Protein backbone atom coordinates (compact mmCIF):
# COMPACT_ATOMS: atom_id res chain seq x y z
CA MET A 1 108.73 82.46 115.57
CA GLY A 2 112.62 81.41 116.53
CA ALA A 3 115.22 83.62 116.98
CA HIS A 4 116.88 82.12 113.78
CA GLU A 5 114.24 83.02 111.84
CA GLU A 6 113.14 85.98 109.71
CA ILE A 7 110.19 87.01 107.59
CA VAL A 8 110.65 86.55 104.29
CA THR A 9 108.47 88.03 101.35
CA LEU A 10 107.82 86.40 97.94
CA VAL A 11 107.14 88.90 95.35
CA ILE A 12 105.43 87.64 92.06
CA LYS A 13 104.97 89.53 88.81
CA HIS A 14 102.62 88.55 86.37
CA ARG A 15 101.77 90.58 82.87
CA VAL A 16 98.35 89.20 81.87
CA LYS A 17 97.55 89.14 78.16
CA PRO A 18 94.77 91.18 76.97
CA GLY A 19 91.12 89.21 77.38
CA TYR A 20 92.56 86.93 80.08
CA GLU A 21 92.00 89.38 82.92
CA ALA A 22 88.92 88.26 84.62
CA ALA A 23 90.24 84.25 84.17
CA TYR A 24 93.40 85.70 85.92
CA GLU A 25 91.48 87.22 88.74
CA THR A 26 89.82 84.32 89.46
CA TRP A 27 92.99 81.94 89.51
CA LEU A 28 94.69 84.56 91.56
CA LYS A 29 92.06 84.26 94.18
CA LYS A 30 92.28 80.60 94.38
CA THR A 31 96.13 80.70 94.55
CA VAL A 32 96.31 83.14 97.56
CA ASN A 33 93.84 80.83 99.14
CA VAL A 34 95.72 77.90 98.70
CA ALA A 35 99.01 79.56 99.91
CA SER A 36 97.20 81.30 102.86
CA ARG A 37 96.28 77.79 104.35
CA ARG A 38 99.96 76.80 104.43
CA GLU A 39 101.94 76.65 107.99
CA GLY A 40 103.99 80.06 108.35
CA HIS A 41 102.16 82.03 105.84
CA LEU A 42 101.61 85.48 107.39
CA GLY A 43 99.77 87.33 104.68
CA ALA A 44 99.47 88.73 101.18
CA ASP A 45 98.82 91.62 99.41
CA ILE A 46 97.89 92.28 95.70
CA HIS A 47 98.94 95.07 93.41
CA ARG A 48 97.68 96.12 90.32
CA ASP A 49 99.12 98.41 87.90
CA ASN A 50 98.85 99.02 84.10
CA ARG A 51 102.13 98.90 81.90
CA GLY A 52 102.67 98.95 78.42
CA GLY A 53 99.03 98.28 77.82
CA LEU A 54 98.99 95.10 80.00
CA GLN A 55 97.63 94.52 83.52
CA VAL A 56 100.25 93.80 85.97
CA PHE A 57 99.79 92.07 88.92
CA THR A 58 102.05 91.89 91.67
CA CYS A 59 101.44 89.60 94.63
CA VAL A 60 103.71 89.89 97.71
CA LEU A 61 103.28 86.80 99.99
CA ARG A 62 105.00 86.67 103.21
CA PHE A 63 106.20 83.70 105.24
CA CYS A 64 107.77 83.15 108.68
CA SER A 65 111.20 81.64 107.12
CA THR A 66 113.04 80.90 104.12
CA ASP A 67 112.49 77.24 104.54
CA VAL A 68 108.41 77.58 104.35
CA MET A 69 108.70 80.01 101.49
CA GLN A 70 111.08 77.38 99.52
CA SER A 71 108.46 74.72 100.45
CA TRP A 72 105.71 76.76 99.07
CA LEU A 73 107.76 77.49 96.01
CA ASP A 74 108.63 73.78 95.40
CA SER A 75 105.52 72.25 96.14
CA ALA A 76 103.11 70.57 93.76
CA GLU A 77 100.24 72.88 94.59
CA ARG A 78 101.99 75.66 93.24
CA HIS A 79 103.76 73.93 90.35
CA ASP A 80 100.24 73.08 89.07
CA LEU A 81 98.85 76.39 89.80
CA VAL A 82 101.59 77.94 88.01
CA GLN A 83 100.96 75.66 84.79
CA GLU A 84 97.33 76.49 84.67
CA ALA A 85 98.23 80.35 84.61
CA LEU A 86 100.99 80.54 82.17
CA PRO A 87 98.89 80.46 78.69
CA MET A 88 97.35 83.78 80.25
CA LEU A 89 101.08 85.43 80.88
CA ALA A 90 102.57 87.69 78.64
CA ASP A 91 106.20 87.33 80.62
CA GLY A 92 105.65 84.00 82.56
CA ASP A 93 105.84 83.57 86.02
CA GLN A 94 108.80 86.07 87.40
CA THR A 95 109.27 85.76 91.16
CA GLU A 96 111.87 87.88 93.55
CA VAL A 97 112.62 86.91 97.30
CA THR A 98 113.03 89.81 99.97
CA THR A 99 114.45 88.96 103.37
CA GLY A 100 114.85 91.23 106.36
CA SER A 101 112.68 94.18 107.61
CA GLU A 102 112.50 95.98 104.29
CA PHE A 103 110.26 93.41 103.25
CA TRP A 104 107.19 95.84 103.77
CA PHE A 105 108.83 98.00 101.27
CA ALA A 106 109.32 96.05 98.32
CA PRO A 107 108.53 97.82 95.13
CA ALA A 108 105.29 96.77 93.59
CA ALA A 109 106.09 97.37 90.03
CA GLU A 110 109.35 97.54 88.18
CA ASN A 111 109.07 101.13 87.32
CA GLN A 112 109.15 101.78 91.00
CA GLN A 113 112.20 101.91 93.38
CA GLN A 114 112.52 101.47 97.07
CA PRO A 115 111.43 104.09 99.22
CA PRO A 116 114.56 105.71 101.10
CA ARG A 117 115.64 104.53 104.37
CA TRP A 118 114.54 107.49 106.20
CA LYS A 119 110.64 107.11 105.07
CA GLN A 120 111.11 103.36 106.04
CA ALA A 121 112.05 104.46 109.51
CA VAL A 122 109.41 106.96 109.72
CA ILE A 123 106.57 104.57 108.62
CA SER A 124 107.98 102.01 111.49
CA PHE A 125 108.23 104.68 114.17
CA LEU A 126 104.77 105.54 113.41
CA VAL A 127 103.73 101.99 113.74
CA ILE A 128 105.86 100.92 116.51
CA LEU A 129 105.59 104.04 118.94
CA PRO A 130 101.48 103.83 119.86
CA LEU A 131 101.72 100.33 120.32
CA SER A 132 104.58 100.67 122.74
CA LEU A 133 102.71 102.93 124.63
CA ILE A 134 99.13 101.37 124.69
CA VAL A 135 99.82 97.77 124.57
CA PRO A 136 101.76 98.21 128.10
CA LYS A 137 98.80 99.84 129.46
CA LEU A 138 96.25 97.43 128.32
CA TRP A 139 97.99 94.16 129.55
CA MET A 140 98.88 95.70 133.22
CA PRO A 141 95.95 95.01 135.03
CA VAL A 142 95.71 91.15 133.68
CA LEU A 143 99.62 90.62 134.05
CA GLY A 144 99.36 91.76 137.61
CA LEU A 145 97.18 88.47 138.46
CA HIS A 146 100.33 86.37 138.55
CA PRO A 147 103.51 87.08 140.14
CA PHE A 148 105.58 85.75 136.93
CA TRP A 149 103.75 87.72 134.35
CA ALA A 150 104.11 91.09 136.59
CA GLY A 151 107.76 90.40 136.72
CA TYR A 152 110.00 92.01 134.15
CA LEU A 153 110.43 88.64 131.89
CA GLY A 154 107.02 87.81 131.83
CA SER A 155 105.75 90.94 131.14
CA ASN A 156 107.94 91.69 128.34
CA ILE A 157 107.34 88.34 126.72
CA VAL A 158 103.58 89.10 126.61
CA ILE A 159 103.99 92.66 125.62
CA THR A 160 106.52 92.43 122.88
CA ALA A 161 104.72 89.00 121.54
CA THR A 162 101.60 91.29 121.00
CA ILE A 163 103.15 94.21 119.71
CA VAL A 164 105.05 91.99 116.96
CA THR A 165 101.56 90.29 116.18
CA LEU A 166 99.99 93.62 115.69
CA VAL A 167 102.44 94.74 113.35
CA VAL A 168 102.88 91.97 111.04
CA TYR A 169 99.01 91.15 110.70
CA LEU A 170 97.43 94.36 111.07
CA CYS A 171 99.14 97.51 111.70
CA MET A 172 102.09 97.49 109.00
CA PRO A 173 99.60 96.23 106.03
CA ALA A 174 97.46 99.11 107.03
CA ALA A 175 100.32 101.63 106.96
CA MET A 176 101.71 100.71 103.61
CA ARG A 177 98.06 101.00 102.30
CA LEU A 178 97.43 104.20 103.99
CA PHE A 179 100.89 106.00 102.97
CA ALA A 180 101.44 104.13 99.65
CA PRO A 181 101.18 107.14 97.49
CA TRP A 182 103.97 108.95 99.83
CA LEU A 183 106.08 105.88 99.45
CA SER A 184 105.82 105.53 95.86
CA LYS A 185 107.31 108.03 93.38
CA SER A 186 104.70 106.70 90.40
CA SER A 187 101.18 106.49 90.38
CA THR A 188 99.78 104.41 93.23
CA PRO A 189 98.63 100.81 92.26
CA THR A 190 95.43 99.87 93.98
CA ILE A 191 96.13 97.31 96.69
CA GLN A 192 94.01 94.70 98.09
CA SER A 193 94.71 92.89 101.05
CA GLU A 194 94.12 89.45 101.82
CA ILE A 195 91.54 88.25 98.68
């Protein structure tokens, strides 16, 4: 990921009409699968909630840049999928874009607020600290085999790339599921990652 890029999150909220829940689940699996095959897609989480007697699905899609996300939004594939889903939706297709480090903490439902910044900092600290202690130890025997990778620049490239990859793809999504009750003031929705 280039220095000019930042992770962008697309939050899509759908309230499903009664009786369409099973059909919507099938549609959602297909849609997340299509999105996940696009270059620059970094993962997805699905939050399920019940509000006003209707099942509410919040799909959080992460992309490596605004351009990549916009390409998905403007694609013929997504347009066709949305048209297919509209008859099942009570309020149409609602999208919201979040940029920067707060994308992990985007509220899953309208009645939820983003967690306070100190909670965001605590979760980020708990994720990054162990990695910053463990990853260098794991890489050192390998990095020592070549002078460039054993040096300051080479070793930092490898270690930083490893930590960032683990945070984005594995550790932060797991931490968000684990700490969801603490982060959320309202009842915690069911979270399923990468359907």
